[in-house]
All heavy atoms as atom14 arrays in JSON, in Angstrom:
{
  "sequence": "LAAAMGFGGGLVRDVLLGNLPPAAFRDPSYLITAAVATLVAGVALV",
  "atom14_mask": [
    [1, 1, 1, 1, 1, 1, 1, 1, 0, 0, 0, 0, 0, 0],
    [1, 1, 1, 1, 1, 0, 0, 0, 0, 0, 0, 0, 0, 0],
    [1, 1, 1, 1, 1, 0, 0, 0, 0, 0, 0, 0, 0, 0],
    [1, 1, 1, 1, 1, 0, 0, 0, 0, 0, 0, 0, 0, 0],
    [1, 1, 1, 1, 1, 1, 1, 1, 0, 0, 0, 0, 0, 0],
    [1, 1, 1, 1, 0, 0, 0, 0, 0, 0, 0, 0, 0, 0],
    [1, 1, 1, 1, 1, 1, 1, 1, 1, 1, 1, 0, 0, 0],
    [1, 1, 1, 1, 0, 0, 0, 0, 0, 0, 0, 0, 0, 0],
    [1, 1, 1, 1, 0, 0, 0, 0, 0, 0, 0, 0, 0, 0],
    [1, 1, 1, 1, 0, 0, 0, 0, 0, 0, 0, 0, 0, 0],
    [1, 1, 1, 1, 1, 1, 1, 1, 0, 0, 0, 0, 0, 0],
    [1, 1, 1, 1, 1, 1, 1, 0, 0, 0, 0, 0, 0, 0],
    [1, 1, 1, 1, 1, 1, 1, 1, 1, 1, 1, 0, 0, 0],
    [1, 1, 1, 1, 1, 1, 1, 1, 0, 0, 0, 0, 0, 0],
    [1, 1, 1, 1, 1, 1, 1, 0, 0, 0, 0, 0, 0, 0],
    [1, 1, 1, 1, 1, 1, 1, 1, 0, 0, 0, 0, 0, 0],
    [1, 1, 1, 1, 1, 1, 1, 1, 0, 0, 0, 0, 0, 0],
    [1, 1, 1, 1, 0, 0, 0, 0, 0, 0, 0, 0, 0, 0],
    [1, 1, 1, 1, 1, 1, 1, 1, 0, 0, 0, 0, 0, 0],
    [1, 1, 1, 1, 1, 1, 1, 1, 0, 0, 0, 0, 0, 0],
    [1, 1, 1, 1, 1, 1, 1, 0, 0, 0, 0, 0, 0, 0],
    [1, 1, 1, 1, 1, 1, 1, 0, 0, 0, 0, 0, 0, 0],
    [1, 1, 1, 1, 1, 0, 0, 0, 0, 0, 0, 0, 0, 0],
    [1, 1, 1, 1, 1, 0, 0, 0, 0, 0, 0, 0, 0, 0],
    [1, 1, 1, 1, 1, 1, 1, 1, 1, 1, 1, 0, 0, 0],
    [1, 1, 1, 1, 1, 1, 1, 1, 1, 1, 1, 0, 0, 0],
    [1, 1, 1, 1, 1, 1, 1, 1, 0, 0, 0, 0, 0, 0],
    [1, 1, 1, 1, 1, 1, 1, 0, 0, 0, 0, 0, 0, 0],
    [1, 1, 1, 1, 1, 1, 0, 0, 0, 0, 0, 0, 0, 0],
    [1, 1, 1, 1, 1, 1, 1, 1, 1, 1, 1, 1, 0, 0],
    [1, 1, 1, 1, 1, 1, 1, 1, 0, 0, 0, 0, 0, 0],
    [1, 1, 1, 1, 1, 1, 1, 1, 0, 0, 0, 0, 0, 0],
    [1, 1, 1, 1, 1, 1, 1, 0, 0, 0, 0, 0, 0, 0],
    [1, 1, 1, 1, 1, 0, 0, 0, 0, 0, 0, 0, 0, 0],
    [1, 1, 1, 1, 1, 0, 0, 0, 0, 0, 0, 0, 0, 0],
    [1, 1, 1, 1, 1, 1, 1, 0, 0, 0, 0, 0, 0, 0],
    [1, 1, 1, 1, 1, 0, 0, 0, 0, 0, 0, 0, 0, 0],
    [1, 1, 1, 1, 1, 1, 1, 0, 0, 0, 0, 0, 0, 0],
    [1, 1, 1, 1, 1, 1, 1, 1, 0, 0, 0, 0, 0, 0],
    [1, 1, 1, 1, 1, 1, 1, 0, 0, 0, 0, 0, 0, 0],
    [1, 1, 1, 1, 1, 0, 0, 0, 0, 0, 0, 0, 0, 0],
    [1, 1, 1, 1, 0, 0, 0, 0, 0, 0, 0, 0, 0, 0],
    [1, 1, 1, 1, 1, 1, 1, 0, 0, 0, 0, 0, 0, 0],
    [1, 1, 1, 1, 1, 0, 0, 0, 0, 0, 0, 0, 0, 0],
    [1, 1, 1, 1, 1, 1, 1, 1, 0, 0, 0, 0, 0, 0],
    [1, 1, 1, 1, 1, 1, 1, 0, 0, 0, 0, 0, 0, 0]
  ],
  "atom14_positions": [
    [[-15.3, -1.66, -3.69], [-14.98, -0.26, -4.0], [-13.62, 0.12, -3.41], [-12.85, 0.88, -4.03], [-16.06, 0.66, -3.45], [-16.11, 2.06, -4.04], [-16.34, 2.0, -5.55], [-17.21, 2.87, -3.39], [0.0, 0.0, 0.0], [0.0, 0.0, 0.0], [0.0, 0.0, 0.0], [0.0, 0.0, 0.0], [0.0, 0.0, 0.0], [0.0, 0.0, 0.0]],
    [[-13.31, -0.41, -2.22], [-12.0, -0.15, -1.63], [-10.89, -0.73, -2.49], [-9.85, -0.09, -2.72], [-11.94, -0.74, -0.22], [0.0, 0.0, 0.0], [0.0, 0.0, 0.0], [0.0, 0.0, 0.0], [0.0, 0.0, 0.0], [0.0, 0.0, 0.0], [0.0, 0.0, 0.0], [0.0, 0.0, 0.0], [0.0, 0.0, 0.0], [0.0, 0.0, 0.0]],
    [[-11.09, -1.95, -3.0], [-10.09, -2.56, -3.87], [-9.95, -1.78, -5.17], [-8.84, -1.63, -5.7], [-10.47, -4.02, -4.17], [0.0, 0.0, 0.0], [0.0, 0.0, 0.0], [0.0, 0.0, 0.0], [0.0, 0.0, 0.0], [0.0, 0.0, 0.0], [0.0, 0.0, 0.0], [0.0, 0.0, 0.0], [0.0, 0.0, 0.0], [0.0, 0.0, 0.0]],
    [[-11.06, -1.28, -5.7], [-11.01, -0.5, -6.94], [-10.18, 0.77, -6.76], [-9.35, 1.12, -7.61], [-12.43, -0.15, -7.4], [0.0, 0.0, 0.0], [0.0, 0.0, 0.0], [0.0, 0.0, 0.0], [0.0, 0.0, 0.0], [0.0, 0.0, 0.0], [0.0, 0.0, 0.0], [0.0, 0.0, 0.0], [0.0, 0.0, 0.0], [0.0, 0.0, 0.0]],
    [[-10.4, 1.45, -5.64], [-9.64, 2.67, -5.37], [-8.19, 2.35, -5.02], [-7.28, 3.13, -5.34], [-10.29, 3.46, -4.23], [-11.64, 4.06, -4.57], [-11.54, 5.48, -5.67], [-10.82, 6.71, -4.59], [0.0, 0.0, 0.0], [0.0, 0.0, 0.0], [0.0, 0.0, 0.0], [0.0, 0.0, 0.0], [0.0, 0.0, 0.0], [0.0, 0.0, 0.0]],
    [[-7.97, 1.22, -4.37], [-6.62, 0.87, -3.97], [-5.78, 0.28, -5.09], [-4.58, 0.54, -5.18], [0.0, 0.0, 0.0], [0.0, 0.0, 0.0], [0.0, 0.0, 0.0], [0.0, 0.0, 0.0], [0.0, 0.0, 0.0], [0.0, 0.0, 0.0], [0.0, 0.0, 0.0], [0.0, 0.0, 0.0], [0.0, 0.0, 0.0], [0.0, 0.0, 0.0]],
    [[-6.42, -0.53, -5.97], [-5.69, -1.21, -7.03], [-5.8, -0.53, -8.38], [-5.03, -0.84, -9.3], [-6.19, -2.65, -7.2], [-6.07, -3.49, -5.96], [-6.92, -4.56, -5.76], [-5.13, -3.2, -4.98], [-6.82, -5.35, -4.63], [-5.03, -3.97, -3.84], [-5.88, -5.04, -3.66], [0.0, 0.0, 0.0], [0.0, 0.0, 0.0], [0.0, 0.0, 0.0]],
    [[-6.8, 0.35, -8.53], [-7.09, 0.9, -9.85], [-5.89, 1.55, -10.51], [-5.58, 1.29, -11.69], [0.0, 0.0, 0.0], [0.0, 0.0, 0.0], [0.0, 0.0, 0.0], [0.0, 0.0, 0.0], [0.0, 0.0, 0.0], [0.0, 0.0, 0.0], [0.0, 0.0, 0.0], [0.0, 0.0, 0.0], [0.0, 0.0, 0.0], [0.0, 0.0, 0.0]],
    [[-5.19, 2.38, -9.76], [-4.03, 3.05, -10.32], [-2.95, 2.07, -10.72], [-2.33, 2.2, -11.78], [0.0, 0.0, 0.0], [0.0, 0.0, 0.0], [0.0, 0.0, 0.0], [0.0, 0.0, 0.0], [0.0, 0.0, 0.0], [0.0, 0.0, 0.0], [0.0, 0.0, 0.0], [0.0, 0.0, 0.0], [0.0, 0.0, 0.0], [0.0, 0.0, 0.0]],
    [[-2.7, 1.06, -9.86], [-1.69, 0.06, -10.18], [-2.08, -0.8, -11.37], [-1.22, -1.18, -12.18], [0.0, 0.0, 0.0], [0.0, 0.0, 0.0], [0.0, 0.0, 0.0], [0.0, 0.0, 0.0], [0.0, 0.0, 0.0], [0.0, 0.0, 0.0], [0.0, 0.0, 0.0], [0.0, 0.0, 0.0], [0.0, 0.0, 0.0], [0.0, 0.0, 0.0]],
    [[-3.37, -1.12, -11.49], [-3.83, -1.91, -12.64], [-3.6, -1.15, -13.95], [-3.12, -1.72, -14.93], [-5.31, -2.26, -12.47], [-5.66, -3.24, -11.35], [-7.16, -3.41, -11.24], [-4.99, -4.59, -11.58], [0.0, 0.0, 0.0], [0.0, 0.0, 0.0], [0.0, 0.0, 0.0], [0.0, 0.0, 0.0], [0.0, 0.0, 0.0], [0.0, 0.0, 0.0]],
    [[-3.97, 0.13, -13.95], [-3.76, 0.94, -15.15], [-2.28, 1.02, -15.49], [-1.87, 0.87, -16.66], [-4.35, 2.35, -14.94], [-3.95, 3.29, -16.07], [-5.86, 2.28, -14.83], [0.0, 0.0, 0.0], [0.0, 0.0, 0.0], [0.0, 0.0, 0.0], [0.0, 0.0, 0.0], [0.0, 0.0, 0.0], [0.0, 0.0, 0.0], [0.0, 0.0, 0.0]],
    [[-1.46, 1.24, -14.48], [-0.01, 1.33, -14.7], [0.54, 0.03, -15.29], [1.28, 0.05, -16.28], [0.66, 1.63, -13.36], [2.18, 1.59, -13.37], [2.7, 1.38, -11.96], [2.31, 0.08, -11.43], [2.21, -0.2, -10.14], [2.45, 0.73, -9.24], [1.87, -1.42, -9.74], [0.0, 0.0, 0.0], [0.0, 0.0, 0.0], [0.0, 0.0, 0.0]],
    [[0.18, -1.12, -14.69], [0.74, -2.39, -15.15], [0.24, -2.77, -16.53], [0.99, -3.35, -17.32], [0.39, -3.49, -14.14], [1.13, -3.33, -12.82], [2.16, -2.62, -12.81], [0.68, -3.88, -11.81], [0.0, 0.0, 0.0], [0.0, 0.0, 0.0], [0.0, 0.0, 0.0], [0.0, 0.0, 0.0], [0.0, 0.0, 0.0], [0.0, 0.0, 0.0]],
    [[-1.03, -2.45, -16.84], [-1.54, -2.75, -18.18], [-0.82, -1.92, -19.22], [-0.43, -2.41, -20.29], [-3.06, -2.52, -18.22], [-3.57, -2.55, -19.65], [-3.79, -3.56, -17.39], [0.0, 0.0, 0.0], [0.0, 0.0, 0.0], [0.0, 0.0, 0.0], [0.0, 0.0, 0.0], [0.0, 0.0, 0.0], [0.0, 0.0, 0.0], [0.0, 0.0, 0.0]],
    [[-0.62, -0.64, -18.95], [0.06, 0.23, -19.91], [1.51, -0.17, -20.12], [2.06, -0.02, -21.21], [-0.02, 1.69, -19.45], [-1.4, 2.33, -19.49], [-1.34, 3.74, -18.91], [-1.94, 2.38, -20.91], [0.0, 0.0, 0.0], [0.0, 0.0, 0.0], [0.0, 0.0, 0.0], [0.0, 0.0, 0.0], [0.0, 0.0, 0.0], [0.0, 0.0, 0.0]],
    [[2.14, -0.7, -19.07], [3.55, -1.1, -19.17], [3.72, -2.56, -19.59], [4.85, -3.02, -19.76], [4.24, -0.87, -17.82], [4.4, 0.58, -17.38], [5.0, 0.64, -15.98], [5.27, 1.35, -18.36], [0.0, 0.0, 0.0], [0.0, 0.0, 0.0], [0.0, 0.0, 0.0], [0.0, 0.0, 0.0], [0.0, 0.0, 0.0], [0.0, 0.0, 0.0]],
    [[2.6, -3.28, -19.74], [2.7, -4.7, -20.1], [3.22, -5.56, -18.97], [3.75, -6.65, -19.21], [0.0, 0.0, 0.0], [0.0, 0.0, 0.0], [0.0, 0.0, 0.0], [0.0, 0.0, 0.0], [0.0, 0.0, 0.0], [0.0, 0.0, 0.0], [0.0, 0.0, 0.0], [0.0, 0.0, 0.0], [0.0, 0.0, 0.0], [0.0, 0.0, 0.0]],
    [[3.07, -5.11, -17.74], [3.54, -5.84, -16.57], [2.42, -6.74, -16.07], [1.68, -6.4, -15.14], [3.97, -4.85, -15.48], [4.55, -5.55, -14.27], [5.03, -6.68, -14.36], [4.51, -4.88, -13.13], [0.0, 0.0, 0.0], [0.0, 0.0, 0.0], [0.0, 0.0, 0.0], [0.0, 0.0, 0.0], [0.0, 0.0, 0.0], [0.0, 0.0, 0.0]],
    [[2.26, -7.9, -16.72], [1.13, -8.79, -16.45], [1.63, -10.14, -15.94], [2.68, -10.62, -16.38], [0.31, -8.97, -17.73], [-0.27, -7.68, -18.33], [-0.94, -7.99, -19.67], [-1.25, -7.04, -17.37], [0.0, 0.0, 0.0], [0.0, 0.0, 0.0], [0.0, 0.0, 0.0], [0.0, 0.0, 0.0], [0.0, 0.0, 0.0], [0.0, 0.0, 0.0]],
    [[0.86, -10.77, -15.03], [-0.31, -10.22, -14.36], [0.06, -9.05, -13.45], [1.21, -8.96, -13.01], [-0.85, -11.39, -13.55], [0.32, -12.29, -13.34], [1.18, -12.13, -14.55], [0.0, 0.0, 0.0], [0.0, 0.0, 0.0], [0.0, 0.0, 0.0], [0.0, 0.0, 0.0], [0.0, 0.0, 0.0], [0.0, 0.0, 0.0], [0.0, 0.0, 0.0]],
    [[-0.88, -8.15, -13.16], [-0.56, -6.97, -12.35], [0.0, -7.34, -10.98], [-0.26, -8.42, -10.45], [-1.92, -6.26, -12.22], [-2.7, -6.73, -13.4], [-2.27, -8.15, -13.63], [0.0, 0.0, 0.0], [0.0, 0.0, 0.0], [0.0, 0.0, 0.0], [0.0, 0.0, 0.0], [0.0, 0.0, 0.0], [0.0, 0.0, 0.0], [0.0, 0.0, 0.0]],
    [[0.78, -6.42, -10.43], [1.43, -6.66, -9.14], [0.43, -6.94, -8.03], [0.73, -7.69, -7.1], [2.31, -5.45, -8.77], [0.0, 0.0, 0.0], [0.0, 0.0, 0.0], [0.0, 0.0, 0.0], [0.0, 0.0, 0.0], [0.0, 0.0, 0.0], [0.0, 0.0, 0.0], [0.0, 0.0, 0.0], [0.0, 0.0, 0.0], [0.0, 0.0, 0.0]],
    [[-0.77, -6.34, -8.12], [-1.77, -6.53, -7.08], [-2.23, -7.98, -6.99], [-2.71, -8.41, -5.93], [-2.98, -5.63, -7.35], [0.0, 0.0, 0.0], [0.0, 0.0, 0.0], [0.0, 0.0, 0.0], [0.0, 0.0, 0.0], [0.0, 0.0, 0.0], [0.0, 0.0, 0.0], [0.0, 0.0, 0.0], [0.0, 0.0, 0.0], [0.0, 0.0, 0.0]],
    [[-2.07, -8.76, -8.08], [-2.49, -10.16, -8.08], [-1.31, -11.12, -7.91], [-1.5, -12.33, -7.77], [-3.23, -10.49, -9.38], [-4.44, -9.64, -9.6], [-4.73, -9.12, -10.84], [-5.3, -9.36, -8.55], [-5.86, -8.33, -11.05], [-6.43, -8.57, -8.74], [-6.71, -8.06, -10.0], [0.0, 0.0, 0.0], [0.0, 0.0, 0.0], [0.0, 0.0, 0.0]],
    [[-0.09, -10.6, -7.93], [1.08, -11.45, -7.73], [1.53, -11.5, -6.27], [2.12, -12.47, -5.83], [2.25, -10.96, -8.59], [2.02, -11.08, -10.08], [3.35, -11.0, -10.82], [4.12, -9.81, -10.46], [4.08, -8.67, -11.15], [3.27, -8.56, -12.19], [4.81, -7.64, -10.77], [0.0, 0.0, 0.0], [0.0, 0.0, 0.0], [0.0, 0.0, 0.0]],
    [[1.25, -10.43, -5.54], [1.7, -10.33, -4.16], [0.48, -10.23, -3.25], [-0.31, -9.28, -3.35], [2.59, -9.09, -3.99], [3.29, -9.07, -2.65], [2.83, -9.76, -1.72], [4.29, -8.35, -2.52], [0.0, 0.0, 0.0], [0.0, 0.0, 0.0], [0.0, 0.0, 0.0], [0.0, 0.0, 0.0], [0.0, 0.0, 0.0], [0.0, 0.0, 0.0]],
    [[0.25, -11.19, -2.35], [-0.94, -11.16, -1.49], [-0.97, -9.99, -0.52], [-2.02, -9.68, 0.05], [-0.86, -12.5, -0.73], [0.57, -12.9, -0.79], [1.08, -12.38, -2.09], [0.0, 0.0, 0.0], [0.0, 0.0, 0.0], [0.0, 0.0, 0.0], [0.0, 0.0, 0.0], [0.0, 0.0, 0.0], [0.0, 0.0, 0.0], [0.0, 0.0, 0.0]],
    [[0.17, -9.33, -0.31], [0.19, -8.22, 0.63], [-0.69, -7.07, 0.17], [-1.21, -6.3, 1.0], [1.63, -7.72, 0.84], [2.21, -7.32, -0.4], [0.0, 0.0, 0.0], [0.0, 0.0, 0.0], [0.0, 0.0, 0.0], [0.0, 0.0, 0.0], [0.0, 0.0, 0.0], [0.0, 0.0, 0.0], [0.0, 0.0, 0.0], [0.0, 0.0, 0.0]],
    [[-0.92, -6.94, -1.13], [-1.8, -5.89, -1.64], [-3.24, -6.14, -1.2], [-3.94, -5.22, -0.73], [-1.72, -5.82, -3.17], [-0.44, -5.22, -3.7], [0.67, -6.01, -3.93], [-0.35, -3.86, -3.97], [1.85, -5.47, -4.41], [0.83, -3.31, -4.46], [1.92, -4.12, -4.67], [3.09, -3.57, -5.15], [0.0, 0.0, 0.0], [0.0, 0.0, 0.0]],
    [[-3.71, -7.39, -1.35], [-5.07, -7.72, -0.93], [-5.23, -7.59, 0.58], [-6.26, -7.1, 1.06], [-5.41, -9.14, -1.38], [-5.7, -9.34, -2.86], [-5.81, -10.82, -3.19], [-6.97, -8.6, -3.27], [0.0, 0.0, 0.0], [0.0, 0.0, 0.0], [0.0, 0.0, 0.0], [0.0, 0.0, 0.0], [0.0, 0.0, 0.0], [0.0, 0.0, 0.0]],
    [[-4.21, -8.01, 1.32], [-4.27, -7.89, 2.78], [-4.35, -6.43, 3.19], [-5.11, -6.05, 4.09], [-3.05, -8.58, 3.42], [-3.09, -10.08, 3.14], [-3.0, -8.31, 4.91], [-1.86, -10.83, 3.61], [0.0, 0.0, 0.0], [0.0, 0.0, 0.0], [0.0, 0.0, 0.0], [0.0, 0.0, 0.0], [0.0, 0.0, 0.0], [0.0, 0.0, 0.0]],
    [[-3.57, -5.58, 2.53], [-3.58, -4.14, 2.84], [-4.94, -3.54, 2.57], [-5.47, -2.75, 3.37], [-2.51, -3.42, 2.01], [-1.23, -3.98, 2.3], [-2.5, -1.93, 2.31], [0.0, 0.0, 0.0], [0.0, 0.0, 0.0], [0.0, 0.0, 0.0], [0.0, 0.0, 0.0], [0.0, 0.0, 0.0], [0.0, 0.0, 0.0], [0.0, 0.0, 0.0]],
    [[-5.56, -3.91, 1.44], [-6.89, -3.39, 1.11], [-7.93, -3.87, 2.12], [-8.83, -3.1, 2.52], [-7.28, -3.81, -0.3], [0.0, 0.0, 0.0], [0.0, 0.0, 0.0], [0.0, 0.0, 0.0], [0.0, 0.0, 0.0], [0.0, 0.0, 0.0], [0.0, 0.0, 0.0], [0.0, 0.0, 0.0], [0.0, 0.0, 0.0], [0.0, 0.0, 0.0]],
    [[-7.8, -5.13, 2.58], [-8.74, -5.65, 3.56], [-8.62, -4.92, 4.89], [-9.62, -4.58, 5.54], [-8.51, -7.16, 3.74], [0.0, 0.0, 0.0], [0.0, 0.0, 0.0], [0.0, 0.0, 0.0], [0.0, 0.0, 0.0], [0.0, 0.0, 0.0], [0.0, 0.0, 0.0], [0.0, 0.0, 0.0], [0.0, 0.0, 0.0], [0.0, 0.0, 0.0]],
    [[-7.39, -4.67, 5.32], [-7.18, -3.95, 6.58], [-7.73, -2.53, 6.48], [-8.38, -2.03, 7.41], [-5.68, -3.92, 6.93], [-5.42, -2.99, 8.11], [-5.18, -5.32, 7.24], [0.0, 0.0, 0.0], [0.0, 0.0, 0.0], [0.0, 0.0, 0.0], [0.0, 0.0, 0.0], [0.0, 0.0, 0.0], [0.0, 0.0, 0.0], [0.0, 0.0, 0.0]],
    [[-7.5, -1.87, 5.34], [-8.04, -0.51, 5.16], [-9.56, -0.52, 5.19], [-10.18, 0.41, 5.74], [-7.53, 0.06, 3.84], [0.0, 0.0, 0.0], [0.0, 0.0, 0.0], [0.0, 0.0, 0.0], [0.0, 0.0, 0.0], [0.0, 0.0, 0.0], [0.0, 0.0, 0.0], [0.0, 0.0, 0.0], [0.0, 0.0, 0.0], [0.0, 0.0, 0.0]],
    [[-10.17, -1.57, 4.63], [-11.63, -1.66, 4.66], [-12.15, -1.78, 6.08], [-13.15, -1.14, 6.45], [-12.09, -2.86, 3.82], [-11.59, -2.75, 2.49], [-13.61, -2.93, 3.77], [0.0, 0.0, 0.0], [0.0, 0.0, 0.0], [0.0, 0.0, 0.0], [0.0, 0.0, 0.0], [0.0, 0.0, 0.0], [0.0, 0.0, 0.0], [0.0, 0.0, 0.0]],
    [[-11.49, -2.6, 6.9], [-11.92, -2.76, 8.28], [-11.74, -1.46, 9.07], [-12.62, -1.06, 9.84], [-11.13, -3.89, 8.94], [-11.39, -5.3, 8.4], [-10.47, -6.31, 9.07], [-12.86, -5.68, 8.61], [0.0, 0.0, 0.0], [0.0, 0.0, 0.0], [0.0, 0.0, 0.0], [0.0, 0.0, 0.0], [0.0, 0.0, 0.0], [0.0, 0.0, 0.0]],
    [[-10.59, -0.8, 8.88], [-10.33, 0.44, 9.6], [-11.34, 1.51, 9.23], [-11.94, 2.17, 10.1], [-8.89, 0.93, 9.32], [-8.67, 2.32, 9.9], [-7.88, -0.05, 9.9], [0.0, 0.0, 0.0], [0.0, 0.0, 0.0], [0.0, 0.0, 0.0], [0.0, 0.0, 0.0], [0.0, 0.0, 0.0], [0.0, 0.0, 0.0], [0.0, 0.0, 0.0]],
    [[-11.55, 1.69, 7.94], [-12.5, 2.71, 7.5], [-13.93, 2.33, 7.82], [-14.77, 3.21, 8.06], [-12.34, 2.95, 5.99], [0.0, 0.0, 0.0], [0.0, 0.0, 0.0], [0.0, 0.0, 0.0], [0.0, 0.0, 0.0], [0.0, 0.0, 0.0], [0.0, 0.0, 0.0], [0.0, 0.0, 0.0], [0.0, 0.0, 0.0], [0.0, 0.0, 0.0]],
    [[-14.23, 1.01, 7.84], [-15.59, 0.59, 8.2], [-15.95, 0.99, 9.61], [-17.09, 1.37, 9.9], [0.0, 0.0, 0.0], [0.0, 0.0, 0.0], [0.0, 0.0, 0.0], [0.0, 0.0, 0.0], [0.0, 0.0, 0.0], [0.0, 0.0, 0.0], [0.0, 0.0, 0.0], [0.0, 0.0, 0.0], [0.0, 0.0, 0.0], [0.0, 0.0, 0.0]],
    [[-15.0, 0.91, 10.51], [-15.24, 1.36, 11.88], [-15.43, 2.87, 11.93], [-16.23, 3.4, 12.72], [-14.07, 0.92, 12.79], [-14.24, 1.49, 14.19], [-13.98, -0.6, 12.84], [0.0, 0.0, 0.0], [0.0, 0.0, 0.0], [0.0, 0.0, 0.0], [0.0, 0.0, 0.0], [0.0, 0.0, 0.0], [0.0, 0.0, 0.0], [0.0, 0.0, 0.0]],
    [[-14.71, 3.59, 11.07], [-14.75, 5.05, 11.07], [-15.97, 5.61, 10.36], [-16.16, 6.83, 10.33], [-13.49, 5.62, 10.43], [0.0, 0.0, 0.0], [0.0, 0.0, 0.0], [0.0, 0.0, 0.0], [0.0, 0.0, 0.0], [0.0, 0.0, 0.0], [0.0, 0.0, 0.0], [0.0, 0.0, 0.0], [0.0, 0.0, 0.0], [0.0, 0.0, 0.0]],
    [[-16.82, 4.74, 9.78], [-17.99, 5.25, 9.06], [-18.95, 6.0, 9.97], [-19.67, 6.89, 9.53], [-18.73, 4.09, 8.37], [-18.07, 3.51, 7.13], [-18.88, 2.34, 6.6], [-17.94, 4.59, 6.07], [0.0, 0.0, 0.0], [0.0, 0.0, 0.0], [0.0, 0.0, 0.0], [0.0, 0.0, 0.0], [0.0, 0.0, 0.0], [0.0, 0.0, 0.0]],
    [[-18.97, 5.61, 11.25], [-19.84, 6.31, 12.2], [-19.46, 7.78, 12.29], [-20.3, 8.65, 12.5], [-19.75, 5.64, 13.58], [-20.64, 6.36, 14.59], [-20.13, 4.17, 13.47], [0.0, 0.0, 0.0], [0.0, 0.0, 0.0], [0.0, 0.0, 0.0], [0.0, 0.0, 0.0], [0.0, 0.0, 0.0], [0.0, 0.0, 0.0], [0.0, 0.0, 0.0]]
  ]
}
């Protein structure tokens, strides 16, 4: 769900512009950023 919220806008943008494969799958920093956000927010769930 974190990846969907983090990448969803970029996926829609890249598909509409024909920028394939999407930037989220070309650069690993996007996945790393989503993973870090998941860990940070997971701690804050309390």
